Amino acid sequence: MVIFWIGLIIAFLIIEIITVGLATIWFAGGAFVALIACGLGLSEAWQIVLFFVVSLVLLIFTRPWAVKYINPGRVKTNYEEAIGKTVRVTETIDNRAECGTAVLNGLEWTARSEKEGVIIPADSMAEVVAVSGVKLIVRRIKQ
């Protein structure tokens, strides 16, 4: 079992290094505790229970802290960064006619209104409320 737990720790750490997203570090901690339990002579059942309990406790209690304080200046993806931004409508947005474009960060995107039946005229301003595939879902900003 010692080899098993060491292999699991190494596998979880390699996955963590590759993903850099705090995905498996909690399980590496659980495997480490199980390795210690193995060294102390506890049964395999106890080792497995400790692995799952410690992994779950680490995940529940330390992940929120880690996400908040580790790498807080993480650059958002284009998708995340677009939400809440103001865009200029360059072609009238009409969901029924399936037309409309808007410019975000100098790039033209297909755009749709968040509410059916709401037409947003060209040269008006809108706020991005969501991204669906490659379309901006927008709400008109009253000027």
N, C-alpha and C. Protein backbone atom coordinates (compact mmCIF):
# COMPACT_ATOMS: atom_id res chain seq x y z
N MET A 1 0.81 -1.20 0.00
CA MET A 1 0.00 0.00 0.00
C MET A 1 0.86 1.27 0.00
N VAL A 2 2.07 1.18 0.54
CA VAL A 2 2.95 2.36 0.56
C VAL A 2 3.19 2.84 -0.87
N ILE A 3 3.49 1.91 -1.76
CA ILE A 3 3.74 2.27 -3.16
C ILE A 3 2.48 2.88 -3.78
N PHE A 4 1.33 2.32 -3.45
CA PHE A 4 0.06 2.83 -3.98
C PHE A 4 -0.15 4.29 -3.57
N TRP A 5 0.02 4.59 -2.28
CA TRP A 5 -0.21 5.96 -1.80
C TRP A 5 0.83 6.93 -2.36
N ILE A 6 2.08 6.50 -2.45
CA ILE A 6 3.11 7.37 -3.03
C ILE A 6 2.78 7.63 -4.50
N GLY A 7 2.37 6.58 -5.23
CA GLY A 7 1.99 6.76 -6.63
C GLY A 7 0.81 7.70 -6.78
N LEU A 8 -0.17 7.59 -5.88
CA LEU A 8 -1.33 8.47 -5.92
C LEU A 8 -0.93 9.92 -5.65
N ILE A 9 -0.07 10.12 -4.66
CA ILE A 9 0.41 11.48 -4.35
C ILE A 9 1.10 12.07 -5.58
N ILE A 10 1.99 11.31 -6.18
CA ILE A 10 2.72 11.80 -7.36
C ILE A 10 1.76 12.10 -8.50
N ALA A 11 0.80 11.21 -8.73
CA ALA A 11 -0.17 11.43 -9.82
C ALA A 11 -0.98 12.71 -9.58
N PHE A 12 -1.47 12.89 -8.35
CA PHE A 12 -2.26 14.10 -8.06
C PHE A 12 -1.41 15.36 -8.18
N LEU A 13 -0.16 15.31 -7.76
CA LEU A 13 0.71 16.48 -7.88
C LEU A 13 1.04 16.79 -9.34
N ILE A 14 1.24 15.77 -10.15
CA ILE A 14 1.51 15.99 -11.57
C ILE A 14 0.28 16.63 -12.23
N ILE A 15 -0.90 16.11 -11.93
CA ILE A 15 -2.13 16.70 -12.48
C ILE A 15 -2.26 18.14 -12.03
N GLU A 16 -1.95 18.43 -10.76
CA GLU A 16 -2.04 19.80 -10.25
C GLU A 16 -1.07 20.72 -10.98
N ILE A 17 0.12 20.24 -11.22
CA ILE A 17 1.12 21.05 -11.93
C ILE A 17 0.67 21.33 -13.35
N ILE A 18 0.09 20.34 -13.99
CA ILE A 18 -0.35 20.51 -15.38
C ILE A 18 -1.54 21.46 -15.46
N THR A 19 -2.50 21.32 -14.55
CA THR A 19 -3.72 22.13 -14.64
C THR A 19 -3.58 23.50 -13.99
N VAL A 20 -2.75 23.64 -13.00
CA VAL A 20 -2.54 24.88 -12.27
C VAL A 20 -3.89 25.51 -11.89
N GLY A 21 -4.82 24.70 -11.46
CA GLY A 21 -6.12 25.25 -11.15
C GLY A 21 -6.67 24.80 -9.82
N LEU A 22 -5.82 24.41 -8.90
CA LEU A 22 -6.26 23.90 -7.61
C LEU A 22 -7.32 22.82 -7.79
N ALA A 23 -6.98 21.82 -8.56
CA ALA A 23 -7.94 20.77 -8.90
C ALA A 23 -7.73 19.50 -8.07
N THR A 24 -6.50 19.11 -7.85
CA THR A 24 -6.25 17.82 -7.19
C THR A 24 -5.35 17.90 -5.97
N ILE A 25 -4.93 19.08 -5.59
CA ILE A 25 -4.01 19.21 -4.46
C ILE A 25 -4.64 18.67 -3.18
N TRP A 26 -5.95 18.80 -3.06
CA TRP A 26 -6.68 18.32 -1.87
C TRP A 26 -6.55 16.80 -1.74
N PHE A 27 -6.60 16.12 -2.87
CA PHE A 27 -6.51 14.67 -2.87
C PHE A 27 -5.08 14.20 -2.60
N ALA A 28 -4.11 15.00 -3.01
CA ALA A 28 -2.72 14.68 -2.68
C ALA A 28 -2.54 14.75 -1.17
N GLY A 29 -3.18 15.74 -0.53
CA GLY A 29 -3.13 15.83 0.94
C GLY A 29 -3.77 14.63 1.60
N GLY A 30 -4.91 14.20 1.07
CA GLY A 30 -5.57 13.01 1.60
C GLY A 30 -4.72 11.76 1.43
N ALA A 31 -4.07 11.64 0.29
CA ALA A 31 -3.20 10.48 0.04
C ALA A 31 -1.99 10.51 0.97
N PHE A 32 -1.51 11.70 1.28
CA PHE A 32 -0.37 11.84 2.19
C PHE A 32 -0.75 11.36 3.59
N VAL A 33 -1.93 11.76 4.05
CA VAL A 33 -2.40 11.31 5.37
C VAL A 33 -2.59 9.79 5.37
N ALA A 34 -3.13 9.26 4.28
CA ALA A 34 -3.31 7.81 4.17
C ALA A 34 -1.95 7.10 4.17
N LEU A 35 -0.94 7.70 3.56
CA LEU A 35 0.41 7.14 3.57
C LEU A 35 0.96 7.08 5.00
N ILE A 36 0.72 8.14 5.75
CA ILE A 36 1.16 8.16 7.16
C ILE A 36 0.42 7.07 7.94
N ALA A 37 -0.89 6.93 7.69
CA ALA A 37 -1.67 5.88 8.35
C ALA A 37 -1.13 4.50 8.00
N CYS A 38 -0.73 4.33 6.75
CA CYS A 38 -0.15 3.06 6.31
C CYS A 38 1.15 2.79 7.08
N GLY A 39 1.97 3.81 7.22
CA GLY A 39 3.23 3.69 7.95
C GLY A 39 3.02 3.37 9.43
N LEU A 40 1.89 3.82 9.97
CA LEU A 40 1.58 3.54 11.38
C LEU A 40 0.94 2.17 11.57
N GLY A 41 0.68 1.49 10.44
CA GLY A 41 0.16 0.13 10.52
C GLY A 41 -1.36 0.02 10.55
N LEU A 42 -2.07 1.10 10.25
CA LEU A 42 -3.53 1.03 10.22
C LEU A 42 -3.99 0.18 9.03
N SER A 43 -5.16 -0.40 9.14
CA SER A 43 -5.67 -1.27 8.08
C SER A 43 -5.96 -0.47 6.80
N GLU A 44 -6.08 -1.19 5.70
CA GLU A 44 -6.37 -0.55 4.42
C GLU A 44 -7.70 0.19 4.45
N ALA A 45 -8.67 -0.38 5.16
CA ALA A 45 -9.98 0.28 5.27
C ALA A 45 -9.83 1.65 5.93
N TRP A 46 -9.05 1.73 7.01
CA TRP A 46 -8.83 3.01 7.68
C TRP A 46 -8.07 3.98 6.78
N GLN A 47 -7.12 3.46 6.04
CA GLN A 47 -6.37 4.31 5.12
C GLN A 47 -7.29 4.95 4.09
N ILE A 48 -8.19 4.15 3.54
CA ILE A 48 -9.12 4.65 2.51
C ILE A 48 -10.08 5.66 3.12
N VAL A 49 -10.59 5.35 4.32
CA VAL A 49 -11.49 6.29 5.00
C VAL A 49 -10.77 7.61 5.27
N LEU A 50 -9.56 7.54 5.78
CA LEU A 50 -8.79 8.76 6.04
C LEU A 50 -8.52 9.54 4.75
N PHE A 51 -8.21 8.82 3.69
CA PHE A 51 -7.99 9.49 2.40
C PHE A 51 -9.21 10.32 2.00
N PHE A 52 -10.39 9.71 2.03
CA PHE A 52 -11.59 10.42 1.61
C PHE A 52 -11.97 11.53 2.59
N VAL A 53 -11.88 11.28 3.88
CA VAL A 53 -12.26 12.29 4.87
C VAL A 53 -11.33 13.50 4.79
N VAL A 54 -10.03 13.26 4.79
CA VAL A 54 -9.07 14.38 4.74
C VAL A 54 -9.20 15.15 3.43
N SER A 55 -9.35 14.43 2.32
CA SER A 55 -9.52 15.11 1.02
C SER A 55 -10.76 16.00 1.03
N LEU A 56 -11.86 15.48 1.55
CA LEU A 56 -13.10 16.24 1.60
C LEU A 56 -12.98 17.45 2.52
N VAL A 57 -12.38 17.25 3.69
CA VAL A 57 -12.20 18.37 4.63
C VAL A 57 -11.32 19.45 4.01
N LEU A 58 -10.22 19.05 3.39
CA LEU A 58 -9.35 20.03 2.74
C LEU A 58 -10.09 20.77 1.62
N LEU A 59 -10.85 20.03 0.84
CA LEU A 59 -11.60 20.63 -0.27
C LEU A 59 -12.62 21.64 0.24
N ILE A 60 -13.38 21.27 1.25
CA ILE A 60 -14.45 22.14 1.75
C ILE A 60 -13.91 23.35 2.49
N PHE A 61 -12.90 23.16 3.34
CA PHE A 61 -12.48 24.25 4.21
C PHE A 61 -11.31 25.09 3.69
N THR A 62 -10.49 24.56 2.82
CA THR A 62 -9.35 25.37 2.36
C THR A 62 -9.50 25.87 0.94
N ARG A 63 -10.32 25.25 0.13
CA ARG A 63 -10.46 25.70 -1.26
C ARG A 63 -10.99 27.12 -1.37
N PRO A 64 -12.04 27.52 -0.62
CA PRO A 64 -12.50 28.91 -0.73
C PRO A 64 -11.40 29.91 -0.39
N TRP A 65 -10.61 29.62 0.65
CA TRP A 65 -9.51 30.50 1.01
C TRP A 65 -8.47 30.55 -0.11
N ALA A 66 -8.12 29.37 -0.62
CA ALA A 66 -7.08 29.30 -1.66
C ALA A 66 -7.51 30.03 -2.92
N VAL A 67 -8.76 29.87 -3.32
CA VAL A 67 -9.25 30.53 -4.52
C VAL A 67 -9.22 32.05 -4.34
N LYS A 68 -9.53 32.50 -3.12
CA LYS A 68 -9.58 33.94 -2.87
C LYS A 68 -8.19 34.57 -2.79
N TYR A 69 -7.24 33.88 -2.13
CA TYR A 69 -5.96 34.50 -1.85
C TYR A 69 -4.81 34.04 -2.73
N ILE A 70 -4.91 32.89 -3.35
CA ILE A 70 -3.84 32.44 -4.23
C ILE A 70 -4.17 32.88 -5.64
N ASN A 71 -3.28 33.66 -6.21
CA ASN A 71 -3.44 34.16 -7.57
C ASN A 71 -4.71 34.99 -7.74
N PRO A 72 -4.92 36.01 -6.86
CA PRO A 72 -6.13 36.82 -6.96
C PRO A 72 -6.18 37.67 -8.22
N GLY A 73 -5.05 37.96 -8.82
CA GLY A 73 -5.01 38.78 -10.02
C GLY A 73 -5.13 37.96 -11.29
N ARG A 74 -5.70 36.76 -11.17
CA ARG A 74 -5.84 35.88 -12.32
C ARG A 74 -6.58 36.60 -13.44
N VAL A 75 -6.05 36.49 -14.63
CA VAL A 75 -6.68 37.10 -15.78
C VAL A 75 -7.88 36.26 -16.17
N LYS A 76 -9.00 36.92 -16.29
CA LYS A 76 -10.22 36.21 -16.68
C LYS A 76 -10.15 35.84 -18.14
N THR A 77 -10.92 34.83 -18.52
CA THR A 77 -10.99 34.46 -19.92
C THR A 77 -11.81 35.51 -20.65
N ASN A 78 -11.77 35.49 -21.99
CA ASN A 78 -12.56 36.44 -22.77
C ASN A 78 -14.03 36.36 -22.37
N TYR A 79 -14.49 35.17 -22.15
CA TYR A 79 -15.89 34.95 -21.78
C TYR A 79 -16.22 35.65 -20.46
N GLU A 80 -15.41 35.41 -19.44
CA GLU A 80 -15.67 36.01 -18.13
C GLU A 80 -15.48 37.52 -18.16
N GLU A 81 -14.49 37.96 -18.90
CA GLU A 81 -14.16 39.37 -18.94
C GLU A 81 -15.23 40.19 -19.66
N ALA A 82 -15.95 39.59 -20.58
CA ALA A 82 -16.94 40.32 -21.37
C ALA A 82 -18.17 40.70 -20.57
N ILE A 83 -18.55 39.88 -19.62
CA ILE A 83 -19.78 40.11 -18.86
C ILE A 83 -19.65 41.39 -18.04
N GLY A 84 -20.65 42.26 -18.19
CA GLY A 84 -20.68 43.52 -17.47
C GLY A 84 -20.08 44.68 -18.25
N LYS A 85 -19.43 44.41 -19.36
CA LYS A 85 -18.82 45.47 -20.16
C LYS A 85 -19.86 46.16 -21.03
N THR A 86 -19.56 47.40 -21.37
CA THR A 86 -20.42 48.17 -22.25
C THR A 86 -19.91 48.01 -23.68
N VAL A 87 -20.85 47.78 -24.59
CA VAL A 87 -20.50 47.61 -26.01
C VAL A 87 -21.28 48.61 -26.85
N ARG A 88 -20.76 48.90 -28.04
CA ARG A 88 -21.45 49.76 -28.99
C ARG A 88 -22.09 48.87 -30.04
N VAL A 89 -23.39 49.04 -30.22
CA VAL A 89 -24.13 48.25 -31.20
C VAL A 89 -23.84 48.82 -32.58
N THR A 90 -23.35 47.98 -33.49
CA THR A 90 -22.99 48.45 -34.83
C THR A 90 -24.03 48.08 -35.88
N GLU A 91 -24.83 47.06 -35.61
CA GLU A 91 -25.93 46.67 -36.49
C GLU A 91 -27.12 46.39 -35.57
N THR A 92 -28.28 46.88 -35.94
CA THR A 92 -29.47 46.71 -35.12
C THR A 92 -29.62 45.26 -34.67
N ILE A 93 -29.86 45.09 -33.38
CA ILE A 93 -30.02 43.75 -32.80
C ILE A 93 -31.51 43.42 -32.78
N ASP A 94 -31.86 42.36 -33.51
CA ASP A 94 -33.24 41.90 -33.59
C ASP A 94 -33.21 40.37 -33.55
N ASN A 95 -33.60 39.80 -32.45
CA ASN A 95 -33.53 38.34 -32.28
C ASN A 95 -34.39 37.61 -33.30
N ARG A 96 -35.56 38.16 -33.61
CA ARG A 96 -36.45 37.49 -34.55
C ARG A 96 -35.86 37.43 -35.95
N ALA A 97 -35.17 38.49 -36.34
CA ALA A 97 -34.54 38.53 -37.66
C ALA A 97 -33.15 37.89 -37.63
N GLU A 98 -32.73 37.49 -36.46
CA GLU A 98 -31.41 36.88 -36.27
C GLU A 98 -30.28 37.75 -36.81
N CYS A 99 -30.33 39.02 -36.43
CA CYS A 99 -29.27 39.92 -36.86
C CYS A 99 -28.84 40.79 -35.69
N GLY A 100 -27.67 41.34 -35.82
CA GLY A 100 -27.15 42.26 -34.82
C GLY A 100 -25.69 41.99 -34.52
N THR A 101 -24.95 43.09 -34.40
CA THR A 101 -23.54 43.00 -34.04
C THR A 101 -23.21 44.11 -33.06
N ALA A 102 -22.16 43.89 -32.30
CA ALA A 102 -21.68 44.89 -31.35
C ALA A 102 -20.17 44.79 -31.27
N VAL A 103 -19.54 45.89 -30.89
CA VAL A 103 -18.09 45.93 -30.80
C VAL A 103 -17.68 45.88 -29.33
N LEU A 104 -16.83 44.91 -29.01
CA LEU A 104 -16.30 44.75 -27.67
C LEU A 104 -14.79 44.68 -27.77
N ASN A 105 -14.11 45.57 -27.10
CA ASN A 105 -12.64 45.61 -27.11
C ASN A 105 -12.07 45.66 -28.52
N GLY A 106 -12.73 46.41 -29.39
CA GLY A 106 -12.26 46.57 -30.76
C GLY A 106 -12.59 45.43 -31.69
N LEU A 107 -13.29 44.41 -31.22
CA LEU A 107 -13.67 43.28 -32.05
C LEU A 107 -15.18 43.24 -32.21
N GLU A 108 -15.61 42.91 -33.44
CA GLU A 108 -17.04 42.83 -33.70
C GLU A 108 -17.55 41.43 -33.36
N TRP A 109 -18.62 41.38 -32.59
CA TRP A 109 -19.25 40.13 -32.17
C TRP A 109 -20.68 40.09 -32.68
N THR A 110 -21.18 38.89 -32.90
CA THR A 110 -22.61 38.72 -33.13
C THR A 110 -23.27 39.00 -31.78
N ALA A 111 -24.39 39.72 -31.81
CA ALA A 111 -25.05 40.08 -30.56
C ALA A 111 -26.54 39.80 -30.65
N ARG A 112 -27.10 39.44 -29.50
CA ARG A 112 -28.54 39.21 -29.39
C ARG A 112 -29.03 39.88 -28.11
N SER A 113 -30.30 40.28 -28.13
CA SER A 113 -30.91 40.90 -26.97
C SER A 113 -31.23 39.83 -25.94
N GLU A 114 -31.14 40.19 -24.66
CA GLU A 114 -31.45 39.21 -23.61
C GLU A 114 -32.94 38.90 -23.57
N LYS A 115 -33.78 39.82 -24.06
CA LYS A 115 -35.23 39.60 -24.06
C LYS A 115 -35.75 39.54 -25.49
N GLU A 116 -36.54 38.51 -25.74
CA GLU A 116 -37.15 38.36 -27.06
C GLU A 116 -38.05 39.57 -27.34
N GLY A 117 -38.05 40.02 -28.57
CA GLY A 117 -38.92 41.12 -28.97
C GLY A 117 -38.34 42.49 -28.72
N VAL A 118 -37.23 42.58 -27.99
CA VAL A 118 -36.59 43.87 -27.74
C VAL A 118 -35.58 44.12 -28.84
N ILE A 119 -35.78 45.21 -29.58
CA ILE A 119 -34.87 45.58 -30.67
C ILE A 119 -33.96 46.69 -30.16
N ILE A 120 -32.67 46.48 -30.36
CA ILE A 120 -31.69 47.48 -29.94
C ILE A 120 -31.09 48.11 -31.20
N PRO A 121 -31.34 49.42 -31.41
CA PRO A 121 -30.90 50.05 -32.65
C PRO A 121 -29.38 50.22 -32.74
N ALA A 122 -28.92 50.33 -33.97
CA ALA A 122 -27.49 50.58 -34.22
C ALA A 122 -27.10 51.90 -33.58
N ASP A 123 -25.84 52.03 -33.24
CA ASP A 123 -25.25 53.21 -32.62
C ASP A 123 -25.74 53.47 -31.20
N SER A 124 -26.36 52.47 -30.57
CA SER A 124 -26.73 52.62 -29.17
C SER A 124 -25.73 51.82 -28.33
N MET A 125 -25.81 52.00 -27.03
CA MET A 125 -24.90 51.31 -26.12
C MET A 125 -25.68 50.20 -25.40
N ALA A 126 -24.97 49.12 -25.11
CA ALA A 126 -25.59 47.99 -24.43
C ALA A 126 -24.59 47.40 -23.44
N GLU A 127 -25.10 46.65 -22.49
CA GLU A 127 -24.27 45.97 -21.51
C GLU A 127 -24.34 44.47 -21.77
N VAL A 128 -23.18 43.84 -21.74
CA VAL A 128 -23.13 42.38 -21.93
C VAL A 128 -23.60 41.71 -20.64
N VAL A 129 -24.63 40.86 -20.75
CA VAL A 129 -25.14 40.14 -19.58
C VAL A 129 -24.76 38.67 -19.60
N ALA A 130 -24.39 38.16 -20.77
CA ALA A 130 -23.98 36.76 -20.88
C ALA A 130 -23.29 36.56 -22.22
N VAL A 131 -22.66 35.40 -22.35
CA VAL A 131 -22.07 35.00 -23.62
C VAL A 131 -22.61 33.61 -23.91
N SER A 132 -23.16 33.44 -25.10
CA SER A 132 -23.71 32.15 -25.51
C SER A 132 -22.98 31.71 -26.76
N GLY A 133 -22.08 30.76 -26.60
CA GLY A 133 -21.26 30.35 -27.73
C GLY A 133 -20.37 31.50 -28.16
N VAL A 134 -20.60 32.00 -29.38
CA VAL A 134 -19.83 33.14 -29.87
C VAL A 134 -20.70 34.39 -30.00
N LYS A 135 -21.81 34.41 -29.27
CA LYS A 135 -22.72 35.56 -29.32
C LYS A 135 -22.74 36.26 -27.97
N LEU A 136 -22.73 37.60 -28.05
CA LEU A 136 -22.93 38.39 -26.85
C LEU A 136 -24.42 38.52 -26.61
N ILE A 137 -24.85 38.32 -25.40
CA ILE A 137 -26.23 38.54 -25.01
C ILE A 137 -26.21 39.87 -24.26
N VAL A 138 -26.97 40.85 -24.77
CA VAL A 138 -26.85 42.21 -24.26
C VAL A 138 -28.19 42.78 -23.80
N ARG A 139 -28.07 43.83 -22.99
CA ARG A 139 -29.22 44.60 -22.50
C ARG A 139 -28.93 46.06 -22.86
N ARG A 140 -29.91 46.74 -23.45
CA ARG A 140 -29.73 48.14 -23.85
C ARG A 140 -29.55 49.02 -22.64
N ILE A 141 -28.62 49.94 -22.76
CA ILE A 141 -28.38 50.94 -21.71
C ILE A 141 -29.11 52.20 -22.14
N LYS A 142 -29.98 52.69 -21.28
CA LYS A 142 -30.70 53.92 -21.60
C LYS A 142 -29.74 55.09 -21.46
N GLN A 143 -29.73 55.93 -22.48
CA GLN A 143 -28.80 57.06 -22.50
C GLN A 143 -29.49 58.34 -22.14
